Amino acid sequence: MVLDLVVIGTAITLGPLHNSAFILLLSAQRGLLKGLVFILTWLVELLVVVASVQLMTGGDPLTQQSAPSTAALAVKLTLGVALVVYGERKRRRKHVRSRGTPKWMARLDRVSAWTAAGLAVLLQPWALVAAGGATVVNADLSSAATFVALMTYFLLATSSLLVMELYATFAPAKAAARLTRLRLAIDEHQDQAIVVLSLLIGLWLVASSTYELVT
């Protein structure tokens, strides 16, 4: 479970769409506030998914090879296959090439804090969050190690946003220039990044869930 959460959390935080949008939010008027609202909403979404799963399991790990455990692994396997198919289809398309900032992102400098919260919901990579939820069915909340693993997952999945928010807070002049360059680089290679992340995390989920199903 721990390794799966680390992989999923890392994949979530590396997503190009939300990182690019977040940088634009930071550059807007009252950008730090809007960035904080985005981060808090993002984190709450992760917490709600994990808490919902734990309410269903009672905080105890599912019995291995039981029907609920097998169903959770089937969900992870399905999500993994879907990500691989999506990544491969996107890779094969002719338009997978360098591109600029999407038009809707160009208007983020004028959005409200409430809109920033809505963007956090829309840009959350829900397939990966669902995979994380299917993974924590094996969490034992009575174990300190499990608690540390969950905190690590939350921090990893939010780490890119936290780093940029803190950077913009304590070094605003340097952050403005460097984050702008980072956003341009992300936008330039957005499709390629999505393809790589989709294929890698998809293959990981397929491999790990298949292994658990057959052992």
Protein backbone atom coordinates (compact mmCIF):
# COMPACT_ATOMS: atom_id res chain seq x y z
CA MET A 1 0.00 0.00 0.00
CA VAL A 2 2.73 2.47 0.95
CA LEU A 3 4.60 2.21 -2.35
CA ASP A 4 1.37 2.54 -4.34
CA LEU A 5 0.44 5.69 -2.41
CA VAL A 6 3.88 7.19 -3.02
CA VAL A 7 3.63 6.51 -6.76
CA ILE A 8 0.07 7.81 -7.01
CA GLY A 9 0.78 10.89 -4.91
CA THR A 10 3.83 11.72 -7.04
CA ALA A 11 1.83 11.31 -10.25
CA ILE A 12 -0.91 13.59 -8.92
CA THR A 13 1.48 16.40 -8.00
CA LEU A 14 3.30 16.26 -11.36
CA GLY A 15 0.17 16.80 -13.46
CA PRO A 16 0.85 19.64 -15.92
CA LEU A 17 -2.64 21.13 -16.14
CA HIS A 18 -3.16 22.08 -12.52
CA ASN A 19 0.43 23.26 -12.08
CA SER A 20 0.20 25.57 -15.07
CA ALA A 21 -3.17 26.93 -13.91
CA PHE A 22 -1.85 27.41 -10.38
CA ILE A 23 1.08 29.52 -11.59
CA LEU A 24 -1.35 31.77 -13.45
CA LEU A 25 -3.46 32.09 -10.30
CA LEU A 26 -0.40 33.18 -8.32
CA SER A 27 0.35 35.89 -10.87
CA ALA A 28 -3.17 37.35 -10.55
CA GLN A 29 -4.24 40.11 -8.19
CA ARG A 30 -4.41 38.64 -4.65
CA GLY A 31 -2.74 35.60 -6.15
CA LEU A 32 -1.43 34.23 -2.86
CA LEU A 33 -4.96 34.13 -1.43
CA LYS A 34 -6.34 32.45 -4.53
CA GLY A 35 -3.46 29.98 -4.49
CA LEU A 36 -4.16 29.17 -0.84
CA VAL A 37 -7.85 28.60 -1.59
CA PHE A 38 -6.86 26.30 -4.47
CA ILE A 39 -4.50 24.31 -2.22
CA LEU A 40 -7.00 23.95 0.62
CA THR A 41 -9.73 22.81 -1.78
CA TRP A 42 -7.32 20.37 -3.42
CA LEU A 43 -6.35 18.92 -0.05
CA VAL A 44 -9.93 18.69 1.18
CA GLU A 45 -10.86 16.66 -1.91
CA LEU A 46 -8.11 14.16 -1.15
CA LEU A 47 -9.14 13.98 2.50
CA VAL A 48 -12.81 13.46 1.62
CA VAL A 49 -12.01 10.53 -0.69
CA VAL A 50 -9.78 8.83 1.88
CA ALA A 51 -12.21 9.51 4.74
CA SER A 52 -15.12 8.10 2.72
CA VAL A 53 -13.21 4.92 2.04
CA GLN A 54 -12.26 4.60 5.70
CA LEU A 55 -15.86 5.06 6.77
CA MET A 56 -16.84 2.17 4.50
CA THR A 57 -14.08 -0.10 5.82
CA GLY A 58 -14.36 0.99 9.45
CA GLY A 59 -10.67 1.87 9.49
CA ASP A 60 -9.66 -1.79 9.22
CA PRO A 61 -7.85 -3.30 6.21
CA LEU A 62 -9.94 -5.56 4.01
CA THR A 63 -9.36 -9.29 4.27
CA GLN A 64 -7.08 -10.40 1.49
CA GLN A 65 -8.87 -12.24 -1.37
CA SER A 66 -12.27 -11.31 0.04
CA ALA A 67 -14.94 -9.99 -2.35
CA PRO A 68 -14.48 -6.32 -1.29
CA SER A 69 -10.69 -6.61 -1.55
CA THR A 70 -10.94 -8.17 -5.00
CA ALA A 71 -13.38 -5.45 -6.08
CA ALA A 72 -10.96 -2.73 -4.96
CA LEU A 73 -8.13 -4.34 -6.93
CA ALA A 74 -10.41 -4.65 -9.94
CA VAL A 75 -11.10 -0.92 -9.72
CA LYS A 76 -7.37 -0.17 -9.65
CA LEU A 77 -6.79 -2.51 -12.58
CA THR A 78 -9.58 -0.88 -14.57
CA LEU A 79 -8.23 2.59 -13.85
CA GLY A 80 -4.75 1.47 -14.86
CA VAL A 81 -5.98 0.04 -18.16
CA ALA A 82 -8.00 3.20 -18.83
CA LEU A 83 -4.94 5.40 -18.23
CA VAL A 84 -2.79 3.26 -20.52
CA VAL A 85 -5.42 3.37 -23.27
CA TYR A 86 -5.83 7.13 -22.85
CA GLY A 87 -2.09 7.75 -22.90
CA GLU A 88 -1.54 5.55 -25.94
CA ARG A 89 -4.42 7.13 -27.88
CA LYS A 90 -3.12 10.60 -27.08
CA ARG A 91 0.38 9.56 -28.12
CA ARG A 92 -0.86 8.34 -31.49
CA ARG A 93 -2.75 11.52 -32.31
CA LYS A 94 -1.11 13.81 -34.81
CA HIS A 95 -1.59 16.87 -32.61
CA VAL A 96 0.58 15.61 -29.74
CA ARG A 97 3.12 18.37 -30.14
CA SER A 98 4.35 21.49 -28.47
CA ARG A 99 1.62 24.05 -27.86
CA GLY A 100 0.97 27.28 -26.03
CA THR A 101 -1.23 28.22 -23.11
CA PRO A 102 -4.89 27.14 -23.56
CA LYS A 103 -7.27 30.06 -24.08
CA TRP A 104 -9.23 29.38 -20.89
CA MET A 105 -6.04 29.67 -18.82
CA ALA A 106 -5.31 33.11 -20.21
CA ARG A 107 -8.32 34.43 -18.24
CA LEU A 108 -7.25 33.08 -14.86
CA ASP A 109 -5.78 36.42 -13.83
CA ARG A 110 -9.34 37.74 -13.43
CA VAL A 111 -11.01 34.91 -11.50
CA SER A 112 -12.30 35.13 -7.94
CA ALA A 113 -11.25 33.02 -4.96
CA TRP A 114 -14.45 30.99 -5.34
CA THR A 115 -13.54 30.25 -8.94
CA ALA A 116 -10.08 29.21 -7.78
CA ALA A 117 -11.75 26.65 -5.50
CA GLY A 118 -13.86 25.42 -8.42
CA LEU A 119 -10.75 25.06 -10.56
CA ALA A 120 -9.17 22.86 -7.90
CA VAL A 121 -12.15 20.53 -8.21
CA LEU A 122 -12.13 20.53 -12.01
CA LEU A 123 -8.38 20.09 -12.41
CA GLN A 124 -7.97 17.36 -9.81
CA PRO A 125 -6.85 14.19 -11.65
CA TRP A 126 -9.81 12.16 -10.42
CA ALA A 127 -8.71 8.87 -11.97
CA LEU A 128 -5.55 9.00 -9.86
CA VAL A 129 -7.46 10.12 -6.77
CA ALA A 130 -9.83 7.17 -7.27
CA ALA A 131 -6.80 4.87 -7.52
CA GLY A 132 -5.58 6.31 -4.24
CA GLY A 133 -8.98 5.65 -2.70
CA ALA A 134 -8.94 2.06 -3.94
CA THR A 135 -5.49 1.68 -2.37
CA VAL A 136 -6.37 2.93 1.11
CA VAL A 137 -8.97 0.19 1.58
CA ASN A 138 -5.99 -1.69 3.02
CA ALA A 139 -5.21 1.05 5.53
CA ASP A 140 -5.19 0.16 9.21
CA LEU A 141 -5.86 3.39 11.09
CA SER A 142 -4.72 1.84 14.36
CA SER A 143 -1.19 1.64 12.95
CA ALA A 144 1.18 4.61 13.25
CA ALA A 145 2.90 3.49 10.03
CA THR A 146 -0.39 3.74 8.16
CA PHE A 147 -0.98 7.23 9.51
CA VAL A 148 2.48 8.30 8.30
CA ALA A 149 1.82 6.73 4.89
CA LEU A 150 -1.43 8.65 4.51
CA MET A 151 0.17 11.93 5.57
CA THR A 152 2.97 11.29 3.07
CA TYR A 153 0.39 10.69 0.35
CA PHE A 154 -1.43 13.95 1.11
CA LEU A 155 1.82 15.92 1.18
CA LEU A 156 3.14 14.36 -2.02
CA ALA A 157 -0.10 14.96 -3.90
CA THR A 158 -0.03 18.63 -2.86
CA SER A 159 3.72 19.23 -2.80
CA SER A 160 4.13 21.07 -6.10
CA LEU A 161 1.39 23.53 -5.14
CA LEU A 162 2.79 24.04 -1.64
CA VAL A 163 6.31 24.68 -2.95
CA MET A 164 5.10 27.28 -5.45
CA GLU A 165 2.87 28.99 -2.89
CA LEU A 166 5.72 29.23 -0.36
CA TYR A 167 8.16 30.39 -3.01
CA ALA A 168 5.80 33.15 -4.13
CA THR A 169 5.23 34.15 -0.49
CA PHE A 170 8.85 34.46 0.62
CA ALA A 171 10.57 35.41 -2.65
CA PRO A 172 7.89 37.08 -4.78
CA ALA A 173 10.23 38.86 -7.21
CA LYS A 174 12.28 35.77 -8.05
CA ALA A 175 9.21 33.52 -8.03
CA ALA A 176 7.34 35.64 -10.55
CA ALA A 177 10.07 35.30 -13.18
CA ARG A 178 11.00 31.69 -12.52
CA LEU A 179 7.44 30.40 -12.25
CA THR A 180 6.55 32.15 -15.49
CA ARG A 181 9.41 30.34 -17.23
CA LEU A 182 8.28 27.09 -15.65
CA ARG A 183 4.71 27.62 -16.85
CA LEU A 184 5.88 28.29 -20.40
CA ALA A 185 7.94 25.09 -20.33
CA ILE A 186 4.96 23.11 -18.97
CA ASP A 187 2.64 24.54 -21.62
CA GLU A 188 5.16 23.80 -24.35
CA HIS A 189 5.33 20.12 -23.43
CA GLN A 190 1.91 19.60 -21.85
CA ASP A 191 0.68 16.84 -24.15
CA GLN A 192 3.93 14.90 -23.92
CA ALA A 193 3.86 15.12 -20.12
CA ILE A 194 0.27 13.86 -19.99
CA VAL A 195 1.16 10.92 -22.25
CA VAL A 196 4.19 9.92 -20.17
CA LEU A 197 2.38 10.22 -16.83
CA SER A 198 -0.70 8.35 -18.09
CA LEU A 199 1.34 5.47 -19.47
CA LEU A 200 3.69 5.16 -16.50
CA ILE A 201 1.07 5.34 -13.75
CA GLY A 202 -1.34 3.21 -15.80
CA LEU A 203 1.24 0.47 -16.26
CA TRP A 204 2.12 0.66 -12.57
CA LEU A 205 -1.50 0.24 -11.49
CA VAL A 206 -2.02 -2.64 -13.91
CA ALA A 207 1.13 -4.41 -12.72
CA SER A 208 0.59 -3.90 -8.99
CA SER A 209 -3.12 -4.79 -9.00
CA THR A 210 -2.54 -7.85 -11.20
CA TYR A 211 0.21 -9.06 -8.87
CA GLU A 212 -2.04 -8.66 -5.83
CA LEU A 213 -4.91 -10.44 -7.59
CA VAL A 214 -2.85 -13.52 -8.44
CA THR A 215 -0.96 -13.83 -5.14
